[in-house]
């Protein structure tokens, strides 16, 4: 009886180890994707470009009508 319980625990531990390896691999992949995201300077640059293009469009739109 005790041996059967130990065997089940060993099987469960094998499954747990497999699951943990899967989690580790997924976290490594997510970490790689996060490192490619732009930081605050990159976000500020994108917002700045959008504002500049919007402002230029508002300034030059009336000039294009004539």
PDB file of N, CA and C in Angstrom:
ATOM      1  N   UNK A   1       0.821  -1.186   0.000  1.00  0.00           N
ATOM      2  CA  UNK A   1       0.000   0.000   0.000  1.00  0.00           C
ATOM      3  C   UNK A   1       0.874   1.263   0.000  1.00  0.00           C
ATOM      4  N   UNK A   2       1.863   1.308   0.859  1.00  0.00           N
ATOM      5  CA  UNK A   2       2.754   2.451   0.926  1.00  0.00           C
ATOM      6  C   UNK A   2       3.557   2.587  -0.367  1.00  0.00           C
ATOM      7  N   UNK A   3       3.971   1.443  -0.918  1.00  0.00           N
ATOM      8  CA  UNK A   3       4.749   1.475  -2.149  1.00  0.00           C
ATOM      9  C   UNK A   3       3.929   2.027  -3.313  1.00  0.00           C
ATOM     10  N   UNK A   4       2.654   1.719  -3.347  1.00  0.00           N
ATOM     11  CA  UNK A   4       1.784   2.224  -4.411  1.00  0.00           C
ATOM     12  C   UNK A   4       1.635   3.739  -4.281  1.00  0.00           C
ATOM     13  N   UNK A   5       1.506   4.209  -3.072  1.00  0.00           N
ATOM     14  CA  UNK A   5       1.378   5.657  -2.856  1.00  0.00           C
ATOM     15  C   UNK A   5       2.664   6.372  -3.265  1.00  0.00           C
ATOM     16  N   UNK A   6       3.807   5.787  -2.924  1.00  0.00           N
ATOM     17  CA  UNK A   6       5.096   6.375  -3.297  1.00  0.00           C
ATOM     18  C   UNK A   6       5.237   6.387  -4.819  1.00  0.00           C
ATOM     19  N   UNK A   7       4.821   5.313  -5.455  1.00  0.00           N
ATOM     20  CA  UNK A   7       4.897   5.243  -6.917  1.00  0.00           C
ATOM     21  C   UNK A   7       4.027   6.329  -7.553  1.00  0.00           C
ATOM     22  N   UNK A   8       2.824   6.544  -7.005  1.00  0.00           N
ATOM     23  CA  UNK A   8       1.954   7.613  -7.525  1.00  0.00           C
ATOM     24  C   UNK A   8       2.589   8.984  -7.315  1.00  0.00           C
ATOM     25  N   UNK A   9       3.194   9.183  -6.142  1.00  0.00           N
ATOM     26  CA  UNK A   9       3.876  10.460  -5.899  1.00  0.00           C
ATOM     27  C   UNK A   9       5.039  10.667  -6.858  1.00  0.00           C
ATOM     28  N   UNK A  10       5.776   9.622  -7.134  1.00  0.00           N
ATOM     29  CA  UNK A  10       6.878   9.727  -8.088  1.00  0.00           C
ATOM     30  C   UNK A  10       6.372  10.073  -9.481  1.00  0.00           C
ATOM     31  N   UNK A  11       5.285   9.456  -9.895  1.00  0.00           N
ATOM     32  CA  UNK A  11       4.686   9.777 -11.196  1.00  0.00           C
ATOM     33  C   UNK A  11       4.213  11.224 -11.232  1.00  0.00           C
ATOM     34  N   UNK A  12       3.587  11.654 -10.137  1.00  0.00           N
ATOM     35  CA  UNK A  12       3.129  13.041 -10.069  1.00  0.00           C
ATOM     36  C   UNK A  12       4.305  14.013 -10.139  1.00  0.00           C
ATOM     37  N   UNK A  13       5.405  13.679  -9.498  1.00  0.00           N
ATOM     38  CA  UNK A  13       6.586  14.538  -9.539  1.00  0.00           C
ATOM     39  C   UNK A  13       7.174  14.608 -10.950  1.00  0.00           C
ATOM     40  N   UNK A  14       7.143  13.501 -11.675  1.00  0.00           N
ATOM     41  CA  UNK A  14       7.618  13.521 -13.059  1.00  0.00           C
ATOM     42  C   UNK A  14       6.764  14.461 -13.899  1.00  0.00           C
ATOM     43  N   UNK A  15       5.460  14.378 -13.693  1.00  0.00           N
ATOM     44  CA  UNK A  15       4.553  15.267 -14.428  1.00  0.00           C
ATOM     45  C   UNK A  15       4.784  16.715 -14.024  1.00  0.00           C
ATOM     46  N   UNK A  16       4.987  16.954 -12.742  1.00  0.00           N
ATOM     47  CA  UNK A  16       5.237  18.309 -12.255  1.00  0.00           C
ATOM     48  C   UNK A  16       6.526  18.864 -12.840  1.00  0.00           C
ATOM     49  N   UNK A  17       7.565  18.054 -12.884  1.00  0.00           N
ATOM     50  CA  UNK A  17       8.831  18.497 -13.478  1.00  0.00           C
ATOM     51  C   UNK A  17       8.640  18.848 -14.949  1.00  0.00           C
ATOM     52  N   UNK A  18       7.880  18.039 -15.647  1.00  0.00           N
ATOM     53  CA  UNK A  18       7.611  18.313 -17.057  1.00  0.00           C
ATOM     54  C   UNK A  18       6.852  19.631 -17.220  1.00  0.00           C
ATOM     55  N   UNK A  19       5.857  19.838 -16.371  1.00  0.00           N
ATOM     56  CA  UNK A  19       5.090  21.086 -16.421  1.00  0.00           C
ATOM     57  C   UNK A  19       5.969  22.293 -16.111  1.00  0.00           C
ATOM     58  N   UNK A  20       6.849  22.150 -15.127  1.00  0.00           N
ATOM     59  CA  UNK A  20       7.723  23.259 -14.750  1.00  0.00           C
ATOM     60  C   UNK A  20       8.711  23.596 -15.864  1.00  0.00           C
ATOM     61  N   UNK A  21       9.191  22.583 -16.583  1.00  0.00           N
ATOM     62  CA  UNK A  21      10.068  22.843 -17.727  1.00  0.00           C
ATOM     63  C   UNK A  21       9.317  23.602 -18.809  1.00  0.00           C
ATOM     64  N   UNK A  22       8.046  23.243 -19.015  1.00  0.00           N
ATOM     65  CA  UNK A  22       7.212  23.931 -19.990  1.00  0.00           C
ATOM     66  C   UNK A  22       7.014  25.387 -19.585  1.00  0.00           C
ATOM     67  N   UNK A  23       6.750  25.623 -18.305  1.00  0.00           N
ATOM     68  CA  UNK A  23       6.572  26.991 -17.807  1.00  0.00           C
ATOM     69  C   UNK A  23       7.865  27.785 -17.980  1.00  0.00           C
ATOM     70  N   UNK A  24       8.994  27.160 -17.665  1.00  0.00           N
ATOM     71  CA  UNK A  24      10.289  27.828 -17.807  1.00  0.00           C
ATOM     72  C   UNK A  24      10.529  28.236 -19.259  1.00  0.00           C
ATOM     73  N   UNK A  25      10.232  27.341 -20.191  1.00  0.00           N
ATOM     74  CA  UNK A  25      10.428  27.645 -21.605  1.00  0.00           C
ATOM     75  C   UNK A  25       9.509  28.774 -22.063  1.00  0.00           C
ATOM     76  N   UNK A  26       8.273  28.748 -21.600  1.00  0.00           N
ATOM     77  CA  UNK A  26       7.334  29.814 -21.978  1.00  0.00           C
ATOM     78  C   UNK A  26       7.758  31.156 -21.397  1.00  0.00           C
ATOM     79  N   UNK A  27       8.227  31.160 -20.148  1.00  0.00           N
ATOM     80  CA  UNK A  27       8.684  32.407 -19.543  1.00  0.00           C
ATOM     81  C   UNK A  27       9.895  32.967 -20.280  1.00  0.00           C
ATOM     82  N   UNK A  28      10.786  32.106 -20.707  1.00  0.00           N
ATOM     83  CA  UNK A  28      11.952  32.558 -21.468  1.00  0.00           C
ATOM     84  C   UNK A  28      11.506  33.197 -22.779  1.00  0.00           C
ATOM     85  N   UNK A  29      10.519  32.610 -23.420  1.00  0.00           N
ATOM     86  CA  UNK A  29      10.007  33.170 -24.674  1.00  0.00           C
ATOM     87  C   UNK A  29       9.348  34.529 -24.426  1.00  0.00           C
ATOM     88  N   UNK A  30       8.553  34.620 -23.368  1.00  0.00           N
ATOM     89  CA  UNK A  30       7.894  35.887 -23.040  1.00  0.00           C
ATOM     90  C   UNK A  30       8.927  36.947 -22.698  1.00  0.00           C
ATOM     91  N   UNK A  31       9.961  36.562 -21.954  1.00  0.00           N
ATOM     92  CA  UNK A  31      11.007  37.508 -21.591  1.00  0.00           C
ATOM     93  C   UNK A  31      11.699  38.058 -22.837  1.00  0.00           C
ATOM     94  N   UNK A  32      11.920  37.186 -23.822  1.00  0.00           N
ATOM     95  CA  UNK A  32      12.524  37.638 -25.070  1.00  0.00           C
ATOM     96  C   UNK A  32      11.630  38.611 -25.818  1.00  0.00           C
ATOM     97  N   UNK A  33      10.333  38.362 -25.805  1.00  0.00           N
ATOM     98  CA  UNK A  33       9.405  39.258 -26.484  1.00  0.00           C
ATOM     99  C   UNK A  33       9.325  40.617 -25.768  1.00  0.00           C
ATOM    100  N   UNK A  34       9.336  40.590 -24.451  1.00  0.00           N
ATOM    101  CA  UNK A  34       9.249  41.836 -23.685  1.00  0.00           C
ATOM    102  C   UNK A  34      10.490  42.691 -23.914  1.00  0.00           C
ATOM    103  N   UNK A  35      11.646  42.059 -24.033  1.00  0.00           N
ATOM    104  CA  UNK A  35      12.877  42.827 -24.230  1.00  0.00           C
ATOM    105  C   UNK A  35      12.875  43.554 -25.572  1.00  0.00           C
ATOM    106  N   UNK A  36      12.062  43.101 -26.515  1.00  0.00           N
ATOM    107  CA  UNK A  36      11.992  43.766 -27.828  1.00  0.00           C
ATOM    108  C   UNK A  36      11.052  44.960 -27.833  1.00  0.00           C
ATOM    109  N   UNK A  37      10.228  45.104 -26.797  1.00  0.00           N
ATOM    110  CA  UNK A  37       9.300  46.226 -26.745  1.00  0.00           C
ATOM    111  C   UNK A  37      10.054  47.526 -26.511  1.00  0.00           C
ATOM    112  N   UNK A  38       9.563  48.628 -27.081  1.00  0.00           N
ATOM    113  CA  UNK A  38      10.249  49.900 -26.849  1.00  0.00           C
ATOM    114  C   UNK A  38      10.016  50.375 -25.417  1.00  0.00           C
ATOM    115  N   UNK A  39      11.009  51.010 -24.853  1.00  0.00           N
ATOM    116  CA  UNK A  39      10.874  51.580 -23.517  1.00  0.00           C
ATOM    117  C   UNK A  39      10.190  52.937 -23.605  1.00  0.00           C
ATOM    118  N   UNK A  40      10.280  53.697 -22.537  1.00  0.00           N
ATOM    119  CA  UNK A  40       9.658  55.016 -22.517  1.00  0.00           C
ATOM    120  C   UNK A  40      10.188  55.946 -23.611  1.00  0.00           C
ATOM    121  N   UNK A  41      11.491  55.957 -23.899  1.00  0.00           N
ATOM    122  CA  UNK A  41      11.954  56.816 -24.996  1.00  0.00           C
ATOM    123  C   UNK A  41      11.334  56.434 -26.338  1.00  0.00           C
ATOM    124  N   UNK A  42      11.190  55.155 -26.587  1.00  0.00           N
ATOM    125  CA  UNK A  42      10.581  54.715 -27.844  1.00  0.00           C
ATOM    126  C   UNK A  42       9.121  55.109 -27.933  1.00  0.00           C
ATOM    127  N   UNK A  43       8.401  54.977 -26.832  1.00  0.00           N
ATOM    128  CA  UNK A  43       6.991  55.366 -26.804  1.00  0.00           C
ATOM    129  C   UNK A  43       6.864  56.874 -26.985  1.00  0.00           C
ATOM    130  N   UNK A  44       7.734  57.633 -26.305  1.00  0.00           N
ATOM    131  CA  UNK A  44       7.704  59.097 -26.444  1.00  0.00           C
ATOM    132  C   UNK A  44       7.989  59.501 -27.887  1.00  0.00           C
ATOM    133  N   UNK A  45       8.902  58.813 -28.534  1.00  0.00           N
ATOM    134  CA  UNK A  45       9.214  59.120 -29.938  1.00  0.00           C
ATOM    135  C   UNK A  45       8.006  58.874 -30.829  1.00  0.00           C
ATOM    136  N   UNK A  46       7.328  57.753 -30.633  1.00  0.00           N
ATOM    137  CA  UNK A  46       6.148  57.440 -31.441  1.00  0.00           C
ATOM    138  C   UNK A  46       5.059  58.480 -31.217  1.00  0.00           C
ATOM    139  N   UNK A  47       4.808  58.843 -29.969  1.00  0.00           N
ATOM    140  CA  UNK A  47       3.789  59.863 -29.672  1.00  0.00           C
ATOM    141  C   UNK A  47       4.194  61.190 -30.287  1.00  0.00           C
ATOM    142  N   UNK A  48       5.467  61.540 -30.192  1.00  0.00           N
ATOM    143  CA  UNK A  48       5.951  62.788 -30.782  1.00  0.00           C
ATOM    144  C   UNK A  48       5.760  62.827 -32.287  1.00  0.00           C
ATOM    145  N   UNK A  49       6.045  61.735 -32.951  1.00  0.00           N
ATOM    146  CA  UNK A  49       5.869  61.677 -34.407  1.00  0.00           C
ATOM    147  C   UNK A  49       4.396  61.809 -34.771  1.00  0.00           C
ATOM    148  N   UNK A  50       3.522  61.152 -34.022  1.00  0.00           N
ATOM    149  CA  UNK A  50       2.082  61.252 -34.289  1.00  0.00           C
ATOM    150  C   UNK A  50       1.606  62.688 -34.102  1.00  0.00           C
ATOM    151  N   UNK A  51       2.035  63.343 -33.038  1.00  0.00           N
ATOM    152  CA  UNK A  51       1.641  64.733 -32.788  1.00  0.00           C
ATOM    153  C   UNK A  51       2.181  65.636 -33.895  1.00  0.00           C
ATOM    154  N   UNK A  52       3.422  65.430 -34.300  1.00  0.00           N
ATOM    155  CA  UNK A  52       4.012  66.257 -35.352  1.00  0.00           C
ATOM    156  C   UNK A  52       3.277  66.079 -36.676  1.00  0.00           C
ATOM    157  N   UNK A  53       2.946  64.850 -37.029  1.00  0.00           N
ATOM    158  CA  UNK A  53       2.215  64.616 -38.276  1.00  0.00           C
ATOM    159  C   UNK A  53       0.813  65.205 -38.226  1.00  0.00           C
ATOM    160  N   UNK A  54       0.174  65.087 -37.090  1.00  0.00           N
ATOM    161  CA  UNK A  54      -1.163  65.651 -36.933  1.00  0.00           C
ATOM    162  C   UNK A  54      -1.124  67.176 -37.044  1.00  0.00           C
ATOM    163  N   UNK A  55      -0.141  67.782 -36.402  1.00  0.00           N
ATOM    164  CA  UNK A  55      -0.001  69.240 -36.464  1.00  0.00           C
ATOM    165  C   UNK A  55       0.301  69.689 -37.887  1.00  0.00           C
ATOM    166  N   UNK A  56       1.193  68.985 -38.561  1.00  0.00           N
ATOM    167  CA  UNK A  56       1.525  69.337 -39.946  1.00  0.00           C
ATOM    168  C   UNK A  56       0.299  69.202 -40.840  1.00  0.00           C
ATOM    169  N   UNK A  57      -0.506  68.178 -40.632  1.00  0.00           N
ATOM    170  CA  UNK A  57      -1.711  68.000 -41.437  1.00  0.00           C
ATOM    171  C   UNK A  57      -2.693  69.144 -41.197  1.00  0.00           C
ATOM    172  N   UNK A  58      -2.821  69.590 -39.956  1.00  0.00           N
ATOM    173  CA  UNK A  58      -3.737  70.691 -39.648  1.00  0.00           C
ATOM    174  C   UNK A  58      -3.232  72.010 -40.228  1.00  0.00           C
ATOM    175  N   UNK A  59      -1.940  72.206 -40.266  1.00  0.00           N
ATOM    176  CA  UNK A  59      -1.381  73.447 -40.803  1.00  0.00           C
ATOM    177  C   UNK A  59      -1.481  73.469 -42.325  1.00  0.00           C
ATOM    178  N   UNK A  60      -1.163  72.357 -42.959  1.00  0.00           N
ATOM    179  CA  UNK A  60      -1.097  72.344 -44.416  1.00  0.00           C
ATOM    180  C   UNK A  60      -2.431  72.019 -45.088  1.00  0.00           C
ATOM    181  N   UNK A  61      -3.414  71.514 -44.358  1.00  0.00           N
ATOM    182  CA  UNK A  61      -4.712  71.197 -44.973  1.00  0.00           C
ATOM    183  C   UNK A  61      -5.379  72.436 -45.544  1.00  0.00           C
ATOM    184  N   UNK A  62      -5.432  73.568 -44.822  1.00  0.00           N
ATOM    185  CA  UNK A  62      -6.053  74.766 -45.424  1.00  0.00           C
ATOM    186  C   UNK A  62      -5.284  75.280 -46.640  1.00  0.00           C
ATOM    187  N   UNK A  63      -3.992  75.115 -46.677  1.00  0.00           N
ATOM    188  CA  UNK A  63      -3.189  75.588 -47.802  1.00  0.00           C
ATOM    189  C   UNK A  63      -3.437  74.740 -49.049  1.00  0.00           C
ATOM    190  N   UNK A  64      -3.814  73.496 -48.873  1.00  0.00           N
ATOM    191  CA  UNK A  64      -4.060  72.608 -50.001  1.00  0.00           C
ATOM    192  C   UNK A  64      -5.385  72.890 -50.678  1.00  0.00           C
ATOM    193  N   UNK A  65      -6.319  73.547 -49.983  1.00  0.00           N
ATOM    194  CA  UNK A  65      -7.628  73.828 -50.560  1.00  0.00           C
ATOM    195  C   UNK A  65      -7.553  74.888 -51.642  1.00  0.00           C
ATOM    196  N   UNK A  66      -6.570  75.754 -51.567  1.00  0.00           N
ATOM    197  CA  UNK A  66      -6.481  76.873 -52.517  1.00  0.00           C
ATOM    198  C   UNK A  66      -5.837  76.471 -53.772  1.00  0.00           C
TER     199      UNK A  66
END
